[in-house]
N, C-alpha and C. Protein backbone atom coordinates (compact mmCIF):
# COMPACT_ATOMS: atom_id res chain seq x y z
N UNK A 1 337.75 144.79 158.24
CA UNK A 1 338.65 146.15 158.15
C UNK A 1 338.14 147.19 159.26
N UNK A 2 337.05 147.19 159.30
CA UNK A 2 336.49 148.09 160.52
C UNK A 2 336.88 147.47 161.60
N UNK A 3 336.80 146.06 161.81
CA UNK A 3 336.79 145.40 163.06
C UNK A 3 338.65 145.50 163.50
N UNK A 4 339.56 145.46 162.47
CA UNK A 4 340.75 145.62 163.15
C UNK A 4 341.34 147.02 163.35
N UNK A 5 340.60 147.94 162.92
CA UNK A 5 340.81 149.31 163.49
C UNK A 5 340.28 149.50 164.92
N UNK A 6 339.12 149.12 165.09
CA UNK A 6 338.68 149.20 166.70
C UNK A 6 339.29 148.36 167.44
N UNK A 7 339.78 147.11 166.98
CA UNK A 7 340.62 146.25 168.03
C UNK A 7 341.86 146.74 168.14
N UNK A 8 342.36 147.49 167.27
CA UNK A 8 343.84 148.29 167.32
C UNK A 8 343.55 149.66 168.14
N UNK A 9 342.33 149.93 168.51
CA UNK A 9 342.17 151.04 169.29
C UNK A 9 342.26 150.37 170.65
N UNK A 10 341.74 149.22 170.86
CA UNK A 10 341.31 148.82 172.02
C UNK A 10 342.60 148.48 172.68
N UNK A 11 343.52 147.68 171.77
CA UNK A 11 344.81 147.41 172.37
C UNK A 11 345.80 148.42 172.65
N UNK A 12 345.59 149.56 171.85
CA UNK A 12 346.54 150.70 172.04
C UNK A 12 346.15 151.66 173.37
N UNK A 13 344.96 151.08 174.19
CA UNK A 13 344.72 151.69 175.50
C UNK A 13 346.22 151.89 176.34
N UNK A 14 346.33 153.25 176.61
CA UNK A 14 347.48 153.22 177.55
C UNK A 14 347.26 153.23 178.95
N UNK A 15 348.59 153.08 179.94
CA UNK A 15 348.22 153.05 181.22
C UNK A 15 347.27 153.87 181.95
N UNK A 16 347.27 155.22 181.51
CA UNK A 16 346.32 156.27 182.23
C UNK A 16 345.05 155.87 181.93
N UNK A 17 344.69 155.51 180.95
CA UNK A 17 343.26 155.18 180.48
C UNK A 17 342.66 154.20 181.30
N UNK A 18 343.61 153.38 182.34
CA UNK A 18 342.79 152.20 182.80
C UNK A 18 342.15 152.76 184.15
N UNK A 19 341.20 152.11 184.89
CA UNK A 19 340.57 152.34 186.05
C UNK A 19 341.39 151.89 187.23
N UNK A 20 341.09 152.28 188.23
CA UNK A 20 341.76 151.86 189.48
C UNK A 20 341.39 150.24 189.47
N UNK A 21 340.35 149.81 189.38
CA UNK A 21 340.31 148.15 189.32
C UNK A 21 340.88 147.55 188.29
N UNK A 22 341.16 148.28 187.14
CA UNK A 22 341.97 147.47 186.11
C UNK A 22 343.44 147.39 186.54
N UNK A 23 343.72 148.60 187.12
CA UNK A 23 345.32 148.39 187.62
C UNK A 23 345.46 147.34 188.67
N UNK A 24 344.44 147.50 189.74
CA UNK A 24 344.65 146.63 190.70
C UNK A 24 344.78 145.01 190.09
N UNK A 25 343.70 144.60 189.24
CA UNK A 25 343.60 143.32 188.70
C UNK A 25 344.94 143.11 187.87
N UNK A 26 345.40 144.00 187.18
CA UNK A 26 346.55 143.76 186.43
C UNK A 26 347.97 143.56 187.38
N UNK A 27 347.88 144.20 188.74
CA UNK A 27 349.09 143.93 189.47
C UNK A 27 348.94 142.84 190.02
N UNK A 28 347.60 142.36 190.56
CA UNK A 28 347.41 140.96 191.13
C UNK A 28 347.56 139.65 190.08
N UNK A 29 347.15 139.84 188.89
CA UNK A 29 347.60 138.87 188.02
C UNK A 29 349.18 138.64 187.62
N UNK A 30 349.79 140.04 187.94
CA UNK A 30 351.31 139.77 187.79
C UNK A 30 351.99 139.26 189.00
N UNK A 31 351.42 139.45 190.15
CA UNK A 31 351.97 138.66 191.18
C UNK A 31 351.69 137.10 191.17
N UNK A 32 350.44 136.71 190.61
CA UNK A 32 350.07 135.38 190.63
C UNK A 32 351.23 134.86 189.57
N UNK A 33 351.51 135.32 188.41
CA UNK A 33 352.18 134.80 187.59
C UNK A 33 353.65 134.60 187.81
N UNK A 34 354.06 135.58 188.86
CA UNK A 34 355.56 135.42 189.50
C UNK A 34 355.44 134.37 190.31
N UNK A 35 354.36 134.31 191.22
CA UNK A 35 354.46 133.10 192.23
C UNK A 35 354.07 131.57 191.78
N UNK A 36 353.65 131.55 190.63
CA UNK A 36 353.57 130.07 189.99
C UNK A 36 355.06 129.63 189.90
N UNK A 37 355.14 128.03 190.34
CA UNK A 37 356.20 127.34 190.12
C UNK A 37 356.64 127.05 188.67
N UNK A 38 357.81 127.39 188.33
CA UNK A 38 358.34 127.13 186.77
C UNK A 38 358.09 125.48 186.85
N UNK A 39 358.36 125.18 185.56
CA UNK A 39 357.92 123.72 185.03
C UNK A 39 359.27 122.87 185.38
N UNK A 40 360.62 123.48 185.51
CA UNK A 40 361.75 122.82 185.92
C UNK A 40 361.33 122.50 187.56
N UNK A 41 360.74 123.29 188.51
CA UNK A 41 360.70 122.94 189.67
C UNK A 41 359.68 122.10 190.15
N UNK A 42 358.85 121.67 189.18
CA UNK A 42 357.70 120.52 189.55
C UNK A 42 358.23 119.29 189.18
N UNK A 43 358.04 118.40 190.13
CA UNK A 43 358.25 116.91 190.20
C UNK A 43 357.62 116.12 189.19
N UNK A 44 358.10 115.07 188.53
CA UNK A 44 357.51 114.51 187.63
C UNK A 44 356.89 113.13 188.14
N UNK A 45 356.96 112.84 189.49
CA UNK A 45 356.41 111.90 190.04
C UNK A 45 357.25 110.67 190.49
N UNK A 46 358.38 110.53 190.00
CA UNK A 46 359.30 109.37 189.86
C UNK A 46 359.91 109.04 191.03
N UNK A 47 360.53 110.06 191.56
CA UNK A 47 361.42 110.07 192.85
C UNK A 47 360.16 109.69 193.98
N UNK A 48 359.14 110.13 193.96
CA UNK A 48 358.18 109.98 195.12
C UNK A 48 357.14 109.26 194.93
N UNK A 49 357.17 108.16 194.27
CA UNK A 49 356.08 107.35 193.94
C UNK A 49 355.90 106.22 194.66
N UNK A 50 355.59 106.63 196.04
CA UNK A 50 355.43 105.42 197.12
C UNK A 50 354.13 104.53 196.74
N UNK A 51 353.02 105.28 196.04
CA UNK A 51 351.61 104.66 195.98
C UNK A 51 352.12 103.41 194.86
N UNK A 52 353.01 103.32 194.18
CA UNK A 52 353.33 102.25 193.26
C UNK A 52 353.75 101.00 194.02
N UNK A 53 354.25 101.34 195.08
CA UNK A 53 355.10 100.08 195.99
C UNK A 53 354.27 99.04 196.20
N UNK A 54 354.55 97.72 196.15
CA UNK A 54 353.81 96.74 196.38
C UNK A 54 352.82 96.25 195.12
N UNK A 55 352.62 96.82 194.16
CA UNK A 55 351.71 96.68 193.02
C UNK A 55 352.38 95.83 192.08
N UNK A 56 351.59 95.01 191.32
CA UNK A 56 352.06 94.06 190.18
C UNK A 56 351.87 94.49 188.74
N UNK A 57 352.64 94.21 188.00
CA UNK A 57 352.42 94.66 186.69
C UNK A 57 351.40 93.83 185.94
N UNK A 58 350.79 94.13 184.88
CA UNK A 58 349.86 93.36 184.28
C UNK A 58 350.48 92.28 183.28
N UNK A 59 350.10 91.21 183.61
CA UNK A 59 350.55 90.01 182.92
C UNK A 59 350.07 89.70 181.45
N UNK A 60 350.34 88.70 180.70
CA UNK A 60 350.05 88.38 179.34
C UNK A 60 348.59 88.12 179.78
N UNK A 61 348.15 87.58 180.52
CA UNK A 61 346.78 86.78 180.70
C UNK A 61 345.74 87.90 180.85
N UNK A 62 345.94 89.10 180.79
CA UNK A 62 344.96 90.07 180.70
C UNK A 62 344.08 90.20 179.46
N UNK A 63 344.81 89.98 178.41
CA UNK A 63 344.02 90.04 176.75
C UNK A 63 342.85 88.59 177.30
N UNK A 64 343.69 87.72 177.75
CA UNK A 64 342.50 86.44 177.66
C UNK A 64 341.25 86.64 178.52
N UNK A 65 341.58 87.57 179.78
CA UNK A 65 340.44 87.74 180.40
C UNK A 65 339.62 88.81 179.99
N UNK A 66 339.96 89.79 179.42
CA UNK A 66 339.19 90.57 178.72
C UNK A 66 338.39 90.04 177.64
N UNK A 67 338.93 88.95 176.45
CA UNK A 67 338.06 88.25 176.00
C UNK A 67 336.88 87.50 176.49
N UNK A 68 337.34 86.83 177.49
CA UNK A 68 336.48 85.95 178.49
C UNK A 68 335.29 86.80 178.86
N UNK A 69 335.57 88.11 179.46
CA UNK A 69 334.69 88.94 179.84
C UNK A 69 333.61 89.39 178.67
N UNK A 70 334.21 89.92 177.46
CA UNK A 70 333.67 90.06 176.37
C UNK A 70 332.60 89.23 175.84
N UNK A 71 333.11 88.00 175.77
CA UNK A 71 332.50 86.58 175.37
C UNK A 71 331.20 86.38 176.12
N UNK A 72 331.23 86.35 177.57
CA UNK A 72 330.33 86.26 178.63
C UNK A 72 329.11 87.02 178.28
N UNK A 73 329.75 88.65 178.51
CA UNK A 73 328.50 89.60 178.17
C UNK A 73 327.65 89.30 177.08
N UNK A 74 328.42 89.16 175.85
CA UNK A 74 327.95 89.00 174.49
C UNK A 74 326.91 87.75 174.59
N UNK A 75 327.28 86.75 175.43
CA UNK A 75 326.33 85.49 175.34
C UNK A 75 325.19 85.69 176.29
N UNK A 76 325.56 86.26 177.59
CA UNK A 76 324.21 87.04 178.29
C UNK A 76 323.20 87.62 177.52
N UNK A 77 323.75 88.71 176.84
CA UNK A 77 322.69 89.77 175.98
C UNK A 77 322.00 88.75 175.00
N UNK A 78 322.71 87.79 174.25
CA UNK A 78 322.25 86.80 173.30
C UNK A 78 321.05 85.89 174.02
N UNK A 79 321.38 85.59 175.07
CA UNK A 79 320.30 84.73 175.78
C UNK A 79 319.08 85.58 176.27
N UNK A 80 319.40 86.73 176.36
CA UNK A 80 318.07 87.75 176.93
C UNK A 80 317.32 87.88 175.81
N UNK A 81 317.99 88.02 174.57
CA UNK A 81 317.28 88.50 173.16
C UNK A 81 316.25 87.31 172.82
N UNK A 82 317.08 86.15 172.95
CA UNK A 82 316.48 84.84 172.51
C UNK A 82 315.15 84.58 173.49
N UNK A 83 315.12 84.81 174.79
CA UNK A 83 314.16 84.54 175.59
C UNK A 83 313.26 85.75 175.44
N UNK A 84 313.35 86.73 175.03
CA UNK A 84 312.45 87.54 174.61
C UNK A 84 311.39 87.59 173.67
N UNK A 85 312.24 86.92 172.57
CA UNK A 85 311.82 86.45 171.30
C UNK A 85 310.43 85.53 171.42
N UNK A 86 310.84 84.69 172.35
CA UNK A 86 309.78 83.38 172.17
C UNK A 86 308.57 83.73 173.03
């Protein structure tokens, strides 16, 4: 309960209670907020996606290569464990 009273007093500070530094910071932050581009002005990257030009899509064999890689790593680890146990 006491916390909310003090928080209310802190929020209730008016413009005359601010220092010069606080006023300058508030003005600077307002200018930055005004200068930020609006979300509708930002590009989604579809029109200017030249970096995708010439690339290929993933084929259905990608899953097979992932399984082969996983099995080969597993077999290598298994062989290392067996060679250390002897």
